[in-house]
Amino acid sequence: MDSIDVRALLDRWAAPFLLVCGLLLVSLTMAPWGVGDEGVRPTVTGLGRVTVEGASAADVAFLEEHTQRPGLPLLLAGAVVVATAAAMWWRDILIWPRSLVLAIAFAAAAVRTIRVIADPAPLVFDSLVTRELESQLPTMSAGWGVYGALVVCVVALIVAVAHLALRAVDRRTARATTSPD
């Protein structure tokens, strides 16, 4: 049985894989990020789209105007990832800085998703909604979109850091073999 050459596998497939992960991040911002657990059960996407069954259009519009849009940082991170990974896949130059940008973008996105999962309500609605509801913000739980985004971020971060680490080892090995002793 042949062993798997991780270095060759990452060199060939890291950029397209990370590109797909960036596209997934962008698409998951449109999925539910906050779901009401009581009352009318509002659902809020990462980009602030609110759906409340049985609510008037004016109430939904009010809530949409005052959402925090918790997925907006992930939309921006996803756009950076898509552009960087596409450039890395297209041209095999500046891999070290590009891999570092990808790792930082996925780490920042993971931190944001963890914050939303920990306490979604204050990150979904602003203080005006809280005052309007007399400080009785409905209990909310994180939606499947934010959990999916966290999984994508963690897997992509592992791939980006592994790719970065293997490139760093390659650079050290190249320096050690070419430096005169």
Protein backbone atom coordinates (compact mmCIF):
# COMPACT_ATOMS: atom_id res chain seq x y z
CA MET A 1 0.00 0.00 0.00
CA ASP A 2 1.41 3.37 -0.99
CA SER A 3 1.64 6.10 1.60
CA ILE A 4 -0.12 9.38 1.01
CA ASP A 5 2.14 12.32 0.21
CA VAL A 6 0.51 15.02 2.31
CA ARG A 7 2.79 17.74 0.97
CA ALA A 8 1.90 17.00 -2.67
CA LEU A 9 -1.77 16.67 -1.77
CA LEU A 10 -1.81 20.05 -0.02
CA ASP A 11 0.22 21.75 -2.74
CA ARG A 12 -2.25 20.60 -5.36
CA TRP A 13 -5.59 20.82 -3.56
CA ALA A 14 -5.26 23.37 -0.71
CA ALA A 15 -6.08 26.42 -2.84
CA PRO A 16 -9.20 24.99 -4.56
CA PHE A 17 -10.39 23.49 -1.26
CA LEU A 18 -9.98 26.82 0.54
CA LEU A 19 -11.73 28.58 -2.35
CA VAL A 20 -14.73 26.28 -1.90
CA CYS A 21 -14.62 26.91 1.86
CA GLY A 22 -14.72 30.66 1.19
CA LEU A 23 -17.74 30.22 -1.06
CA LEU A 24 -19.41 28.13 1.65
CA LEU A 25 -18.77 30.89 4.20
CA VAL A 26 -20.40 33.42 1.92
CA SER A 27 -23.41 31.18 1.32
CA LEU A 28 -23.82 30.28 5.01
CA THR A 29 -24.27 33.96 5.88
CA MET A 30 -27.64 33.68 4.16
CA ALA A 31 -28.74 30.77 6.36
CA PRO A 32 -30.44 31.08 9.78
CA TRP A 33 -28.09 32.40 12.48
CA GLY A 34 -30.63 33.13 15.19
CA VAL A 35 -33.85 31.28 15.93
CA GLY A 36 -36.35 32.40 18.55
CA ASP A 37 -37.14 29.75 21.13
CA GLU A 38 -40.38 31.23 22.43
CA GLY A 39 -43.32 33.33 21.34
CA VAL A 40 -43.53 34.02 17.62
CA ARG A 41 -40.16 32.32 16.94
CA PRO A 42 -38.35 34.80 14.70
CA THR A 43 -35.62 33.51 12.42
CA VAL A 44 -32.75 35.82 11.48
CA THR A 45 -30.13 35.09 8.83
CA GLY A 46 -26.51 36.12 9.14
CA LEU A 47 -27.17 39.09 6.88
CA GLY A 48 -30.19 40.30 8.85
CA ARG A 49 -33.13 38.88 6.91
CA VAL A 50 -35.95 38.28 9.40
CA THR A 51 -38.86 35.88 9.01
CA VAL A 52 -41.64 35.68 11.56
CA GLU A 53 -44.67 33.57 10.73
CA GLY A 54 -47.89 35.41 11.43
CA ALA A 55 -46.24 38.81 11.98
CA SER A 56 -47.20 41.91 10.04
CA ALA A 57 -44.93 43.22 7.31
CA ALA A 58 -44.29 46.37 9.39
CA ASP A 59 -43.08 44.32 12.37
CA VAL A 60 -40.76 42.26 10.18
CA ALA A 61 -39.45 45.42 8.49
CA PHE A 62 -38.78 46.99 11.91
CA LEU A 63 -36.82 43.93 13.03
CA GLU A 64 -34.87 43.82 9.76
CA GLU A 65 -33.88 47.47 10.13
CA HIS A 66 -32.49 46.81 13.60
CA THR A 67 -30.60 43.58 13.23
CA GLN A 68 -26.87 43.57 13.88
CA ARG A 69 -26.25 41.43 10.77
CA PRO A 70 -24.01 39.01 12.67
CA GLY A 71 -22.81 37.26 9.52
CA LEU A 72 -21.48 40.39 7.82
CA PRO A 73 -17.89 39.86 9.08
CA LEU A 74 -18.04 36.33 7.67
CA LEU A 75 -19.27 37.65 4.33
CA LEU A 76 -16.23 39.94 4.21
CA ALA A 77 -13.88 37.16 5.38
CA GLY A 78 -15.38 34.83 2.76
CA ALA A 79 -14.80 37.41 0.03
CA VAL A 80 -11.16 37.82 1.13
CA VAL A 81 -10.75 34.04 1.21
CA VAL A 82 -12.27 33.58 -2.25
CA ALA A 83 -10.05 36.27 -3.79
CA THR A 84 -6.89 35.06 -2.02
CA ALA A 85 -7.46 31.35 -2.68
CA ALA A 86 -8.30 32.02 -6.34
CA ALA A 87 -5.09 34.02 -6.73
CA MET A 88 -3.12 31.30 -4.94
CA TRP A 89 -4.61 28.63 -7.21
CA TRP A 90 -4.03 30.68 -10.35
CA ARG A 91 -0.41 31.68 -9.66
CA ASP A 92 1.96 29.77 -7.42
CA ILE A 93 3.69 32.89 -6.11
CA LEU A 94 3.56 34.58 -2.73
CA ILE A 95 2.18 31.40 -1.19
CA TRP A 96 3.50 32.21 2.29
CA PRO A 97 1.67 35.56 2.68
CA ARG A 98 -1.45 34.26 0.98
CA SER A 99 -1.62 31.22 3.26
CA LEU A 100 -1.15 33.52 6.25
CA VAL A 101 -4.02 35.76 5.07
CA LEU A 102 -6.24 32.69 4.65
CA ALA A 103 -5.39 31.37 8.12
CA ILE A 104 -6.08 34.77 9.72
CA ALA A 105 -9.39 35.16 7.86
CA PHE A 106 -10.61 31.71 8.91
CA ALA A 107 -9.46 32.24 12.52
CA ALA A 108 -11.28 35.58 12.73
CA ALA A 109 -14.41 34.04 11.22
CA ALA A 110 -14.25 31.15 13.70
CA VAL A 111 -14.01 33.58 16.62
CA ARG A 112 -17.06 35.46 15.33
CA THR A 113 -19.11 32.28 14.98
CA ILE A 114 -18.17 31.16 18.49
CA ARG A 115 -19.31 34.53 19.87
CA VAL A 116 -22.65 34.21 18.07
CA ILE A 117 -23.14 30.63 19.25
CA ALA A 118 -22.36 31.63 22.84
CA ASP A 119 -25.02 34.37 23.01
CA PRO A 120 -26.89 35.04 19.76
CA ALA A 121 -29.58 37.51 20.90
CA PRO A 122 -27.42 40.62 21.55
CA LEU A 123 -25.44 39.99 18.37
CA VAL A 124 -28.59 39.59 16.30
CA PHE A 125 -30.70 42.56 17.49
CA ASP A 126 -29.57 46.08 18.43
CA SER A 127 -30.44 48.06 21.58
CA LEU A 128 -33.44 49.77 19.96
CA VAL A 129 -35.21 46.44 19.57
CA THR A 130 -34.31 45.57 23.14
CA ARG A 131 -35.82 48.84 24.40
CA GLU A 132 -38.91 48.39 22.21
CA LEU A 133 -39.46 44.99 23.73
CA GLU A 134 -38.89 46.54 27.18
CA SER A 135 -35.58 44.74 27.66
CA GLN A 136 -37.25 41.38 27.27
CA LEU A 137 -35.38 40.09 24.27
CA PRO A 138 -36.82 36.74 23.23
CA THR A 139 -34.68 33.76 24.04
CA MET A 140 -32.71 32.84 20.96
CA SER A 141 -30.53 29.95 19.99
CA ALA A 142 -27.96 29.81 17.24
CA GLY A 143 -29.25 28.61 13.89
CA TRP A 144 -27.75 25.91 11.70
CA GLY A 145 -26.01 28.48 9.49
CA VAL A 146 -23.67 29.63 12.24
CA TYR A 147 -22.84 26.03 13.23
CA GLY A 148 -22.11 25.19 9.60
CA ALA A 149 -19.89 28.27 9.31
CA LEU A 150 -17.95 27.20 12.40
CA VAL A 151 -17.35 23.72 10.97
CA VAL A 152 -16.17 25.22 7.67
CA CYS A 153 -13.86 27.64 9.52
CA VAL A 154 -12.28 24.94 11.68
CA VAL A 155 -11.66 22.51 8.81
CA ALA A 156 -10.35 25.27 6.53
CA LEU A 157 -8.14 26.64 9.31
CA ILE A 158 -6.57 23.21 9.78
CA VAL A 159 -5.87 22.94 6.05
CA ALA A 160 -4.51 26.50 5.83
CA VAL A 161 -2.23 26.07 8.87
CA ALA A 162 -0.99 22.68 7.63
CA HIS A 163 -0.23 24.18 4.23
CA LEU A 164 1.51 27.12 5.89
CA ALA A 165 3.54 24.83 8.16
CA LEU A 166 4.66 22.58 5.32
CA ARG A 167 5.74 25.62 3.30
CA ALA A 168 7.70 26.89 6.33
CA VAL A 169 9.44 23.52 6.65
CA ASP A 170 10.25 23.60 2.94
CA ARG A 171 11.79 27.08 3.30
CA ARG A 172 13.93 26.02 6.27
CA THR A 173 15.06 22.87 4.50
CA ALA A 174 15.95 24.86 1.38
CA ARG A 175 17.95 27.37 3.44
CA ALA A 176 19.77 24.64 5.34
CA THR A 177 20.82 22.82 2.18
CA THR A 178 21.95 25.96 0.32
CA SER A 179 23.78 27.77 3.14
CA PRO A 180 27.55 27.18 3.19
CA ASP A 181 28.84 25.70 6.45
